[in-house]
Each structure stands twice: as structure tokens, then as C-alpha cells.
Amino acid sequence: MPRIFKDVSMSQQFEDAFGSIYYITLGCAKNEVDTDRMRSLLLAAGYEVADEVSEADLAIVNTCSFLASATEESIEATLSLAEEVADGVRSVPIVMCGCVPSRYGADLPAELPEVAAFVRTDEEDGIVSVVDGLLGVHRGAPVFVPEVKRTVEGAVAYVKISDGCDRFCSFCAIPYIRGRYRSRPWSEIREEVRDLVDSGVRELVLIGQDTGIWGEDLPQEGPGPHNLAQLLVAVSETARPEHVWVRVLYLQPEGMTDELIAAIRDTPEVLPYIDIPVQHCCGRVLKAMNRSGSEEELDALFARLRREIPGMIIRTTYLVGFPGETEEEHERMLAFMDRTGFDYTSVFAFSPEDGTRAARMEGQLDEDEKLERTQAAMDLAESLGFAATAAHVGEQAEVIVDGVEETDDGPELIGHAWFQAPDCDGAVHLDVKEAAVGDILQVEFTDSFCYELVGHVIG
């Protein structure tokens, strides 16, 4: 059974719960962390978790607005929830949190009267007061703030080490949604890591909009880590002697310093898995994106990484159809992907986001052209990824058990190996019927299909 960590019990200090909350989270892992933080605060304040909206007194929708399509999905999910509530003829206030209110806050009350309250990302620590107000809860004492601020279920926990971004890539709205870059202090990260490991987490995934520059905005004197390389070592030391994997996502090419490469290579807990969203390889396109680098520099970087970190896994991102991208530049990017041999590549078609410079640039490609190029990039990414997955057949490795998946043949245990980032890189289908979530099994990979592997448990 999945583990529910100890701050769930904080609501037990109240003889009767003030109400139950239903949660929906959209978007990336960073939003999952933010929802988890709000859930922990509400549990500590005496609210329970509802598994269905029909059982809830209030619903929280944590939204994504990275792309226009994500904004549309967030609004559609909110409206669908409102219809479900109306069909049940129940008074269930809906609170919209996260990126959509942060980006479009002033316009939302008139556009979405179905929503009772809007909470920006920088207001989420005040979620208890918002919920109290909507449900008519009056307290005679201050709200209890839990020491443990997570309610993670399962074997993997995302740890947000920073928020915001200072890069201002011309296609991206994140700095306008999340604000300027802010590193999370080591003292907070350390305490969270300790709590998560004590609660049974088997993998810690460090995330942020730009993890490679962690610490640059913090004081550089005194004890403790001062950059990402030192943070990885410190997190690993904090997690010992428990058998815990440490993974870091969302690096940028400029962040791959000598010290960071050495930390990934030489720290046993840190997985040799590097996620670098290059977006493109052509210098002219990168400059228009307000990014640095060139094809030659990227070739040299990935060659060095493969040389200095044996067996390393590389994930990247290609933003297809940026304004002015020529057919020749698109072909160069495909050749770069093929030559580098990425294990995993996420492919996104350019979306002209409100408020970004790229949305106003000349040379916007028509949708048919973007669709054709996107399909070509996805076909190549799948070909490379499927081959990389198949190359693991015959190998043996540890696999963390993540849960049970229902199939036509009945329930099946699934997990992930070190070379698979959870929730995005495929899974391992195991040939045993009984194991607990969080168990680490020794597995031989016997077959593959797409990004999935079939594993025979040998120990």
C-alpha cells in the first residue's frame, strides 16, 4: 500500500474536522509540490482529504499556464468540476490556485464566476485563511503550522529547491507567472529531505525552473552548500545511510560546471541522469530565443558529459517552429538529435504566449508547417528513445516499486529503474504479484516495448 506520511495525522488534534477538501493538480511536478504544501497546511488546520468531489465541502484546482493549451486545459477542468458540482446539487466552492491566477488574476473573477476564490502562487501559504473564509470557519486560536509540510504518497518525492526564473527566454512566460529566481535556503531543504527519508521515500527528485544556478542569490559565506554541486552532495549525505536515489531535473547547458559534473559522477546516491532542455542547436535561433550557445558548443558539452560520466542518460527538449526557424535549421536540429543520441526528448511546437517577445516576432510559421515539423521531431525522438530503452534488455538493475497497474490480465506491479525519471520516461513491468510500494528489487530486463521494459525479479 502507498505510504501516507506522518503530517496526515496532524488533523487528529481536532475532534471533528472542519470539512473535507478535494484536490486537482495540473501541470508539472513543481505544481505537485505546491499542492502538497497546501494540503499539508489544511490537514494541520483540521481539514480532511476527499477522494471524490461528491464527498467534499470545497475543491482546490492547482492550475498550469506554461502554454496556452495548458491554460485552456486548466479552465476546462475547472468548468467541468463546476458542472459536476452543479449536477450533484451541492454547495462546493471552487478555489483556483497557481499559475492561471498568477498570470490572469485581474480578469478572472468576471470570466469565471463559477470560482469562489483565486489564489496566486505567492499567496498559497495563506490557503487556510481562504478556505476558512469560504466555509465559515472561525478560529479562537492561530492556525497550527506543521513542522512537516509534505503529505507525499509513494516512493518518490519531488523537492523544490528554487522558484521563479531570471532567464526571460523570449518564448516563455514563467518569469511573469512565477517571478524572479529565488533559491530555497539549505536549512529548509535539509529538514524536508530528513522528513521525507524518515517517512520511507526511496528517491528524491530536485526540481526548479533553473536548478543549475541554485545558491547564486544566497549568501556565499558560512557553512552549508553554496551551489548545486555542493547541494547534491549535502542532500546525499543527509539521506545516508538509507538507500535513497537523488536525481536533479531542469538543468541548463551553462550550469554544467566542472564541479557539478564531478558531483554527479562521484556521489553514489546521485544518478547519472542529466535533463538539459536545449530547445535548439542553431546559434541564430538560440539568440532569438534569448538563450546562449551554439551547435559546436552543445556538441562539445554532450561529448564531454558522455566521456566523463560513463553510462549517463540524457533527456532534452526541442521547441519546434520558433518564429523564423528555417527548414534547414529544423533539419540541423534533427541531425543534432540523431548525432547526440538522446535517451529521451520532449518535443513541443512553438506557442505564441501572451506577453512574450516571441509572440510579437516576425516570421511566425503557420500551424500546418509547425505540425509537420513537430511530427518529424517526435518520430525521431521516439525512434531514438525506443532504441535506447531496448538497449537495456539483458541488463540487470535495481527497480523501485511504484504501484499497481490494472491490465486486461489483472493487476500488475510496475516500477522504474535509475535511468527512468518517474512519471515521464516509461516504466518497468514486473513479473511478481506481491511487493510493497517503495521496495527496491533486483531485476533483469527481458523485453521492451516503446519506452516500457519487462522485468524478471531475481532478488
Protein backbone atom coordinates (compact mmCIF):
# COMPACT_ATOMS: atom_id res chain seq x y z
CA MET A 1 0.00 0.00 0.00
CA PRO A 2 1.24 3.57 -0.63
CA ARG A 3 2.64 5.32 2.41
CA ILE A 4 0.85 8.42 3.68
CA PHE A 5 3.37 10.46 5.61
CA LYS A 6 3.13 11.50 9.19
CA ASP A 7 1.74 15.01 8.76
CA VAL A 8 -1.56 13.43 7.67
CA SER A 9 -2.13 12.69 11.34
CA MET A 10 -1.90 16.37 12.27
CA SER A 11 -5.60 16.78 11.68
CA GLN A 12 -6.17 14.33 14.53
CA GLN A 13 -5.62 17.17 17.01
CA PHE A 14 -9.20 18.25 16.15
CA GLU A 15 -12.06 16.10 17.45
CA ASP A 16 -14.16 16.98 14.42
CA ALA A 17 -12.79 18.03 11.04
CA PHE A 18 -13.88 21.42 9.75
CA GLY A 19 -14.58 19.91 6.34
CA SER A 20 -13.05 17.89 3.53
CA ILE A 21 -11.09 19.17 0.52
CA TYR A 22 -10.90 17.68 -2.98
CA TYR A 23 -7.69 18.43 -4.93
CA ILE A 24 -6.92 18.57 -8.66
CA THR A 25 -3.37 19.31 -9.82
CA LEU A 26 -2.48 20.16 -13.41
CA GLY A 27 0.91 20.75 -15.00
CA CYS A 28 4.40 19.89 -13.88
CA ALA A 29 5.97 18.33 -10.81
CA LYS A 30 6.51 21.79 -9.31
CA ASN A 31 2.74 22.17 -9.10
CA GLU A 32 2.51 18.78 -7.39
CA VAL A 33 4.85 20.09 -4.69
CA ASP A 34 2.78 23.26 -4.28
CA THR A 35 -0.45 21.26 -3.93
CA ASP A 36 1.23 19.01 -1.41
CA ARG A 37 2.27 22.03 0.63
CA MET A 38 -1.30 23.41 0.66
CA ARG A 39 -2.73 20.01 1.54
CA SER A 40 -0.33 19.72 4.48
CA LEU A 41 -1.31 23.16 5.80
CA LEU A 42 -5.01 22.34 5.50
CA LEU A 43 -4.58 18.96 7.19
CA ALA A 44 -2.80 20.66 10.08
CA ALA A 45 -5.65 23.17 10.26
CA GLY A 46 -8.23 20.42 10.69
CA TYR A 47 -9.43 19.71 7.16
CA GLU A 48 -9.62 16.21 5.72
CA VAL A 49 -8.88 14.98 2.19
CA ALA A 50 -11.82 13.97 -0.01
CA ASP A 51 -11.27 11.26 -2.60
CA GLU A 52 -14.23 12.42 -4.69
CA VAL A 53 -15.75 15.85 -5.22
CA SER A 54 -19.10 14.36 -4.22
CA GLU A 55 -17.65 13.87 -0.73
CA ALA A 56 -16.04 17.32 -0.50
CA ASP A 57 -17.00 20.59 1.12
CA LEU A 58 -14.56 22.54 -1.08
CA ALA A 59 -12.44 21.85 -4.17
CA ILE A 60 -8.98 23.21 -5.00
CA VAL A 61 -7.71 23.27 -8.59
CA ASN A 62 -3.98 24.00 -8.90
CA THR A 63 -3.51 25.23 -12.46
CA CYS A 64 -0.80 25.41 -15.14
CA SER A 65 -0.34 28.27 -17.59
CA PHE A 66 3.01 27.45 -19.20
CA LEU A 67 1.37 27.22 -22.62
CA ALA A 68 -1.93 28.48 -23.97
CA SER A 69 -3.06 24.86 -24.24
CA ALA A 70 -2.26 24.33 -20.55
CA THR A 71 -4.29 27.42 -19.63
CA GLU A 72 -7.21 26.11 -21.66
CA GLU A 73 -6.93 22.70 -20.00
CA SER A 74 -6.92 24.34 -16.55
CA ILE A 75 -10.02 26.39 -17.31
CA GLU A 76 -11.81 23.42 -18.87
CA ALA A 77 -11.02 21.27 -15.83
CA THR A 78 -12.39 23.98 -13.55
CA LEU A 79 -15.58 24.39 -15.57
CA SER A 80 -16.04 20.62 -15.75
CA LEU A 81 -15.70 20.44 -11.98
CA ALA A 82 -18.27 23.23 -11.62
CA GLU A 83 -20.71 21.29 -13.82
CA GLU A 84 -20.14 18.13 -11.76
CA VAL A 85 -20.86 20.05 -8.57
CA ALA A 86 -24.00 21.61 -10.08
CA ASP A 87 -25.26 18.22 -11.24
CA GLY A 88 -24.89 16.97 -7.68
CA VAL A 89 -26.86 19.97 -6.40
CA ARG A 90 -24.29 20.62 -3.65
CA SER A 91 -22.66 23.81 -2.47
CA VAL A 92 -18.96 23.11 -3.11
CA PRO A 93 -16.90 26.28 -3.51
CA ILE A 94 -14.07 26.02 -6.04
CA VAL A 95 -10.71 27.67 -5.38
CA MET A 96 -8.42 28.17 -8.38
CA CYS A 97 -4.74 28.32 -7.41
CA GLY A 98 -1.40 28.52 -9.14
CA CYS A 99 -0.25 29.78 -12.49
CA VAL A 100 -3.52 30.84 -14.13
CA PRO A 101 -4.44 33.27 -11.30
CA SER A 102 -0.83 34.49 -11.23
CA ARG A 103 -0.93 35.25 -14.95
CA TYR A 104 -4.50 36.46 -15.49
CA GLY A 105 -5.67 37.33 -11.96
CA ALA A 106 -7.36 40.67 -12.61
CA ASP A 107 -9.53 39.31 -15.44
CA LEU A 108 -10.60 36.03 -13.87
CA PRO A 109 -13.44 36.96 -11.47
CA ALA A 110 -15.55 38.32 -14.32
CA GLU A 111 -14.61 35.49 -16.69
CA LEU A 112 -15.09 32.63 -14.22
CA PRO A 113 -17.97 33.39 -11.84
CA GLU A 114 -18.07 29.65 -11.05
CA VAL A 115 -14.88 30.09 -8.99
CA ALA A 116 -15.25 31.29 -5.41
CA ALA A 117 -11.64 32.46 -4.91
CA PHE A 118 -8.40 32.87 -6.84
CA VAL A 119 -5.01 32.29 -5.18
CA ARG A 120 -1.71 33.22 -6.88
CA THR A 121 1.41 31.11 -6.45
CA ASP A 122 2.87 33.64 -3.99
CA GLU A 123 -0.34 33.54 -1.89
CA GLU A 124 -0.63 29.76 -1.45
CA ASP A 125 0.79 29.71 2.10
CA GLY A 126 -2.37 31.62 3.08
CA ILE A 127 -4.68 28.88 1.77
CA VAL A 128 -6.08 28.09 5.26
CA SER A 129 -7.46 31.61 5.66
CA VAL A 130 -9.04 31.44 2.19
CA VAL A 131 -10.72 28.10 2.92
CA ASP A 132 -11.78 29.19 6.41
CA GLY A 133 -13.46 32.25 4.93
CA LEU A 134 -15.33 30.30 2.28
CA LEU A 135 -16.53 27.62 4.71
CA GLY A 136 -17.34 30.00 7.53
CA VAL A 137 -14.79 28.61 9.97
CA HIS A 138 -13.92 30.95 12.85
CA ARG A 139 -10.93 30.08 15.00
CA GLY A 140 -10.24 31.11 18.54
CA ALA A 141 -6.51 30.43 18.18
CA PRO A 142 -3.91 30.85 15.43
CA VAL A 143 -3.69 28.14 12.79
CA PHE A 144 -1.16 25.44 13.63
CA VAL A 145 1.74 25.38 11.16
CA PRO A 146 3.13 21.83 10.81
CA GLU A 147 6.80 21.11 11.13
CA VAL A 148 6.44 18.54 8.35
CA LYS A 149 5.00 20.23 5.29
CA ARG A 150 4.54 17.28 2.98
CA THR A 151 1.87 14.61 2.52
CA VAL A 152 3.63 12.61 -0.18
CA GLU A 153 2.34 9.16 -1.08
CA GLY A 154 4.60 6.61 -2.69
CA ALA A 155 8.30 6.02 -3.08
CA VAL A 156 9.28 9.21 -4.94
CA ALA A 157 9.23 12.77 -3.66
CA TYR A 158 9.87 15.96 -5.60
CA VAL A 159 11.85 18.57 -3.65
CA LYS A 160 11.58 22.11 -4.98
CA ILE A 161 14.93 23.84 -4.50
CA SER A 162 14.03 27.12 -6.21
CA ASP A 163 11.19 29.04 -7.77
CA GLY A 164 10.92 31.70 -10.46
CA CYS A 165 13.32 32.39 -13.31
CA ASP A 166 15.67 35.18 -14.41
CA ARG A 167 16.37 33.93 -17.94
CA PHE A 168 13.48 35.65 -19.73
CA CYS A 169 13.64 33.36 -22.76
CA SER A 170 11.66 35.17 -25.45
CA PHE A 171 9.10 32.34 -25.76
CA CYS A 172 8.46 31.74 -22.06
CA ALA A 173 6.02 33.38 -19.63
CA ILE A 174 7.36 31.72 -16.46
CA PRO A 175 9.19 34.83 -15.13
CA TYR A 176 5.92 36.77 -15.40
CA ILE A 177 3.98 33.98 -13.67
CA ARG A 178 6.43 32.82 -11.01
CA GLY A 179 8.55 35.95 -10.58
CA ARG A 180 12.31 36.35 -10.35
CA TYR A 181 14.59 33.47 -9.40
CA ARG A 182 14.67 32.58 -5.70
CA SER A 183 16.81 29.78 -4.27
CA ARG A 184 15.29 27.93 -1.36
CA PRO A 185 17.62 28.01 1.69
CA TRP A 186 19.58 24.89 2.50
CA SER A 187 18.17 24.75 6.03
CA GLU A 188 14.63 24.29 4.63
CA ILE A 189 15.73 21.74 2.04
CA ARG A 190 17.68 19.75 4.64
CA GLU A 191 14.74 19.48 7.02
CA GLU A 192 12.41 18.42 4.23
CA VAL A 193 14.87 15.80 2.99
CA ARG A 194 15.21 14.38 6.50
CA ASP A 195 11.44 14.15 6.92
CA LEU A 196 10.95 12.52 3.53
CA VAL A 197 13.68 9.95 4.06
CA ASP A 198 12.43 9.15 7.57
CA SER A 199 8.99 8.60 6.07
CA GLY A 200 10.23 5.98 3.60
CA VAL A 201 10.93 7.88 0.39
CA ARG A 202 13.30 6.00 -1.92
CA GLU A 203 14.01 8.69 -4.49
CA LEU A 204 14.42 12.45 -4.13
CA VAL A 205 13.97 14.47 -7.32
CA LEU A 206 15.32 18.02 -7.08
CA ILE A 207 13.36 20.45 -9.24
CA GLY A 208 13.07 24.16 -10.03
CA GLN A 209 12.77 26.35 -13.10
CA ASP A 210 16.57 26.56 -13.37
CA THR A 211 18.24 24.19 -10.91
CA GLY A 212 21.79 24.74 -12.18
CA ILE A 213 22.12 28.21 -10.64
CA TRP A 214 20.81 27.23 -7.20
CA GLY A 215 22.53 29.24 -4.47
CA GLU A 216 23.82 32.13 -6.60
CA ASP A 217 21.33 34.51 -4.95
CA LEU A 218 22.08 33.28 -1.40
CA PRO A 219 24.88 34.48 0.91
CA GLN A 220 28.14 32.86 -0.13
CA GLU A 221 29.75 32.85 3.31
CA GLY A 222 29.15 30.49 6.19
CA PRO A 223 28.63 26.72 6.40
CA GLY A 224 26.49 24.66 4.10
CA PRO A 225 26.32 24.25 0.31
CA HIS A 226 26.60 27.33 -1.90
CA ASN A 227 25.95 25.87 -5.37
CA LEU A 228 24.09 22.95 -6.94
CA ALA A 229 27.11 20.62 -6.91
CA GLN A 230 27.56 21.12 -3.18
CA LEU A 231 23.80 20.82 -2.65
CA LEU A 232 23.70 17.41 -4.35
CA VAL A 233 26.49 16.18 -2.09
CA ALA A 234 24.79 17.64 1.00
CA VAL A 235 21.42 16.09 0.13
CA SER A 236 23.10 12.73 -0.42
CA GLU A 237 24.90 12.92 2.92
CA THR A 238 21.65 13.87 4.66
CA ALA A 239 19.90 10.84 3.12
CA ARG A 240 22.55 8.38 4.32
CA PRO A 241 22.62 5.64 5.48
CA GLU A 242 19.23 4.96 3.89
CA HIS A 243 19.30 3.58 0.34
CA VAL A 244 17.97 6.67 -1.48
CA TRP A 245 18.43 7.82 -5.06
CA VAL A 246 18.96 11.52 -5.81
CA ARG A 247 18.01 12.94 -9.22
CA VAL A 248 18.11 16.53 -10.49
CA LEU A 249 15.97 17.91 -13.33
CA TYR A 250 15.78 21.12 -15.39
CA LEU A 251 19.46 21.99 -15.80
CA GLN A 252 20.67 24.46 -18.43
CA PRO A 253 23.80 23.94 -20.56
CA GLU A 254 25.63 26.83 -18.86
CA GLY A 255 25.06 25.20 -15.48
CA MET A 256 27.20 22.14 -16.24
CA THR A 257 30.31 23.23 -14.35
CA ASP A 258 33.36 21.08 -13.65
CA GLU A 259 32.28 20.82 -10.02
CA LEU A 260 28.74 19.72 -10.93
CA ILE A 261 29.96 17.09 -13.37
CA ALA A 262 32.29 15.71 -10.68
CA ALA A 263 29.48 15.67 -8.09
CA ILE A 264 27.18 13.69 -10.41
CA ARG A 265 29.97 11.28 -11.31
CA ASP A 266 31.47 10.76 -7.85
CA THR A 267 28.50 10.83 -5.45
CA PRO A 268 26.99 7.33 -5.25
CA GLU A 269 23.44 8.47 -4.44
CA VAL A 270 23.28 10.94 -7.36
CA LEU A 271 22.02 9.26 -10.52
CA PRO A 272 23.97 9.78 -13.77
CA TYR A 273 20.84 11.19 -15.38
CA ILE A 274 21.01 14.68 -16.84
CA ASP A 275 18.00 16.68 -18.01
CA ILE A 276 19.12 19.63 -20.18
CA PRO A 277 16.40 21.34 -22.27
CA VAL A 278 18.48 22.70 -25.15
CA GLN A 279 15.38 23.91 -27.13
CA HIS A 280 17.51 24.21 -30.30
CA CYS A 281 21.07 23.80 -31.52
CA CYS A 282 21.42 26.64 -34.05
CA GLY A 283 23.10 29.74 -32.68
CA ARG A 284 20.87 32.17 -34.59
CA VAL A 285 17.68 30.58 -33.26
CA LEU A 286 19.08 30.36 -29.73
CA LYS A 287 19.96 34.07 -29.83
CA ALA A 288 16.41 34.91 -30.97
CA MET A 289 15.18 32.81 -28.04
CA ASN A 290 17.37 34.95 -25.74
CA ARG A 291 19.45 31.88 -24.98
CA SER A 292 23.17 31.34 -25.39
CA GLY A 293 25.20 28.63 -27.08
CA SER A 294 25.79 27.13 -30.49
CA GLU A 295 25.77 23.75 -32.18
CA GLU A 296 29.52 23.41 -31.72
CA GLU A 297 29.34 24.24 -28.02
CA LEU A 298 26.49 21.80 -27.44
CA ASP A 299 28.29 19.05 -29.36
CA ALA A 300 31.35 19.58 -27.16
CA LEU A 301 29.25 19.62 -23.96
CA PHE A 302 27.45 16.35 -24.63
CA ALA A 303 30.60 14.65 -25.84
CA ARG A 304 32.30 15.69 -22.62
CA LEU A 305 29.40 14.52 -20.46
CA ARG A 306 29.38 11.09 -22.10
CA ARG A 307 33.15 10.88 -21.75
CA GLU A 308 33.33 11.93 -18.08
CA ILE A 309 30.16 10.27 -16.75
CA PRO A 310 30.11 6.68 -18.02
CA GLY A 311 26.67 5.29 -18.84
CA MET A 312 24.99 8.67 -18.45
CA ILE A 313 21.36 9.11 -19.52
CA ILE A 314 20.42 12.39 -21.25
CA ARG A 315 16.96 13.95 -21.57
CA THR A 316 16.36 17.14 -23.58
CA THR A 317 13.65 19.33 -25.12
CA TYR A 318 13.24 20.67 -28.67
CA LEU A 319 11.00 23.69 -29.24
CA VAL A 320 9.84 23.26 -32.84
CA GLY A 321 8.80 26.02 -35.23
CA PHE A 322 10.17 29.06 -33.41
CA PRO A 323 9.48 32.25 -35.40
CA GLY A 324 11.90 32.44 -38.31
CA GLU A 325 13.14 28.86 -37.95
CA THR A 326 14.05 27.78 -41.49
CA GLU A 327 13.63 24.31 -42.90
CA GLU A 328 17.42 24.00 -42.97
CA GLU A 329 17.66 24.92 -39.26
CA HIS A 330 14.96 22.39 -38.44
CA GLU A 331 16.90 19.70 -40.32
CA ARG A 332 20.08 20.68 -38.47
CA MET A 333 18.27 20.22 -35.16
CA LEU A 334 17.07 16.77 -36.22
CA ALA A 335 20.61 15.86 -37.24
CA PHE A 336 21.86 17.13 -33.88
CA MET A 337 19.32 14.99 -32.02
CA ASP A 338 20.29 11.94 -34.07
CA ARG A 339 24.02 12.55 -33.66
CA THR A 340 23.81 13.11 -29.91
CA GLY A 341 21.56 10.10 -29.40
CA PHE A 342 19.34 11.48 -26.64
CA ASP A 343 17.69 8.83 -24.49
CA TYR A 344 14.55 10.92 -24.06
CA THR A 345 13.40 14.02 -25.95
CA SER A 346 10.30 16.09 -25.24
CA VAL A 347 9.05 17.86 -28.36
CA PHE A 348 6.88 20.98 -28.19
CA ALA A 349 5.51 23.11 -31.02
CA PHE A 350 6.06 26.84 -30.52
CA SER A 351 3.07 28.58 -28.97
CA PRO A 352 2.82 32.40 -29.12
CA GLU A 353 2.24 33.13 -25.44
CA ASP A 354 0.63 36.42 -24.38
CA GLY A 355 3.16 38.94 -23.13
CA THR A 356 6.25 37.23 -24.56
CA ARG A 357 8.52 38.81 -27.16
CA ALA A 358 8.41 35.77 -29.41
CA ALA A 359 4.63 36.14 -29.79
CA ARG A 360 5.26 39.51 -31.50
CA MET A 361 8.18 38.41 -33.69
CA GLU A 362 8.05 38.37 -37.46
CA GLY A 363 8.32 35.05 -39.26
CA GLN A 364 5.56 33.19 -37.42
CA LEU A 365 5.15 29.76 -39.01
CA ASP A 366 1.70 28.56 -39.99
CA GLU A 367 0.17 25.77 -37.96
CA ASP A 368 0.43 23.16 -40.72
CA GLU A 369 4.18 23.75 -41.04
CA LYS A 370 4.69 23.55 -37.28
CA LEU A 371 2.61 20.37 -37.12
CA GLU A 372 4.66 18.74 -39.90
CA ARG A 373 7.98 19.64 -38.25
CA THR A 374 6.73 18.59 -34.81
CA GLN A 375 5.70 15.19 -36.14
CA ALA A 376 9.11 14.69 -37.76
CA ALA A 377 10.85 15.56 -34.49
CA MET A 378 8.56 13.29 -32.48
CA ASP A 379 9.14 10.40 -34.87
CA LEU A 380 12.90 10.77 -34.47
CA ALA A 381 12.64 11.21 -30.70
CA GLU A 382 10.60 8.02 -30.43
CA SER A 383 12.98 6.10 -32.67
CA LEU A 384 15.96 7.14 -30.52
CA GLY A 385 14.07 6.62 -27.26
CA PHE A 386 12.69 3.21 -28.16
CA ALA A 387 16.17 2.06 -29.21
CA ALA A 388 17.72 3.39 -26.01
CA THR A 389 15.10 1.55 -23.95
CA ALA A 390 15.61 -1.69 -25.90
CA ALA A 391 19.36 -1.45 -25.27
CA HIS A 392 18.70 -2.19 -21.59
CA VAL A 393 17.25 -5.64 -22.37
CA GLY A 394 19.60 -8.24 -20.91
CA GLU A 395 20.90 -5.85 -18.25
CA GLN A 396 20.28 -6.11 -14.52
CA ALA A 397 19.49 -3.15 -12.30
CA GLU A 398 17.59 -2.08 -9.21
CA VAL A 399 13.96 -1.08 -9.67
CA ILE A 400 11.83 0.90 -7.22
CA VAL A 401 8.27 -0.43 -6.94
CA ASP A 402 5.83 2.42 -7.64
CA GLY A 403 2.43 0.74 -7.53
CA VAL A 404 -0.11 -1.45 -9.26
CA GLU A 405 -1.49 -1.04 -12.76
CA GLU A 406 -4.73 -2.68 -13.85
CA THR A 407 -4.38 -4.66 -17.10
CA ASP A 408 -6.59 -7.00 -19.13
CA ASP A 409 -4.81 -9.88 -17.40
CA GLY A 410 -5.35 -8.45 -13.93
CA PRO A 411 -3.24 -6.26 -11.63
CA GLU A 412 0.44 -5.83 -12.47
CA LEU A 413 3.22 -4.33 -10.36
CA ILE A 414 5.14 -1.53 -12.01
CA GLY A 415 8.27 0.38 -11.03
CA HIS A 416 11.10 2.42 -12.51
CA ALA A 417 14.84 1.96 -12.87
CA TRP A 418 17.51 4.59 -12.24
CA PHE A 419 17.55 5.54 -15.94
CA GLN A 420 13.82 6.37 -15.92
CA ALA A 421 12.69 9.63 -14.36
CA PRO A 422 9.38 8.90 -12.63
CA ASP A 423 6.18 9.94 -14.39
CA CYS A 424 7.79 10.79 -17.73
CA ASP A 425 10.25 8.15 -19.00
CA GLY A 426 8.31 4.91 -19.08
CA ALA A 427 8.16 2.14 -16.50
CA VAL A 428 9.24 -1.41 -15.71
CA HIS A 429 6.51 -4.08 -15.66
CA LEU A 430 7.40 -6.69 -13.06
CA ASP A 431 6.66 -10.40 -13.04
CA VAL A 432 5.91 -10.68 -9.32
CA LYS A 433 2.48 -10.36 -7.71
CA GLU A 434 3.43 -9.15 -4.25
CA ALA A 435 5.69 -6.29 -3.20
CA ALA A 436 5.24 -3.07 -1.26
CA VAL A 437 5.45 0.37 -2.77
CA GLY A 438 8.99 1.55 -2.10
CA ASP A 439 10.61 -1.88 -2.24
CA ILE A 440 13.82 -1.94 -4.25
CA LEU A 441 14.13 -5.13 -6.29
CA GLN A 442 16.99 -6.52 -8.35
CA VAL A 443 15.61 -7.04 -11.83
CA GLU A 444 16.75 -8.45 -15.16
CA PHE A 445 15.16 -6.74 -18.16
CA THR A 446 13.80 -9.38 -20.53
CA ASP A 447 11.87 -7.37 -23.12
CA SER A 448 10.86 -3.86 -24.15
CA PHE A 449 8.03 -2.12 -25.94
CA CYS A 450 8.13 1.60 -26.75
CA TYR A 451 9.57 3.24 -23.60
CA GLU A 452 8.46 0.36 -21.35
CA LEU A 453 10.53 -2.57 -20.06
CA VAL A 454 9.53 -6.02 -18.85
CA GLY A 455 11.48 -7.15 -15.80
CA HIS A 456 12.12 -10.52 -14.19
CA VAL A 457 12.72 -10.16 -10.45
CA ILE A 458 15.87 -12.01 -9.38
CA GLY A 459 16.29 -10.64 -5.90
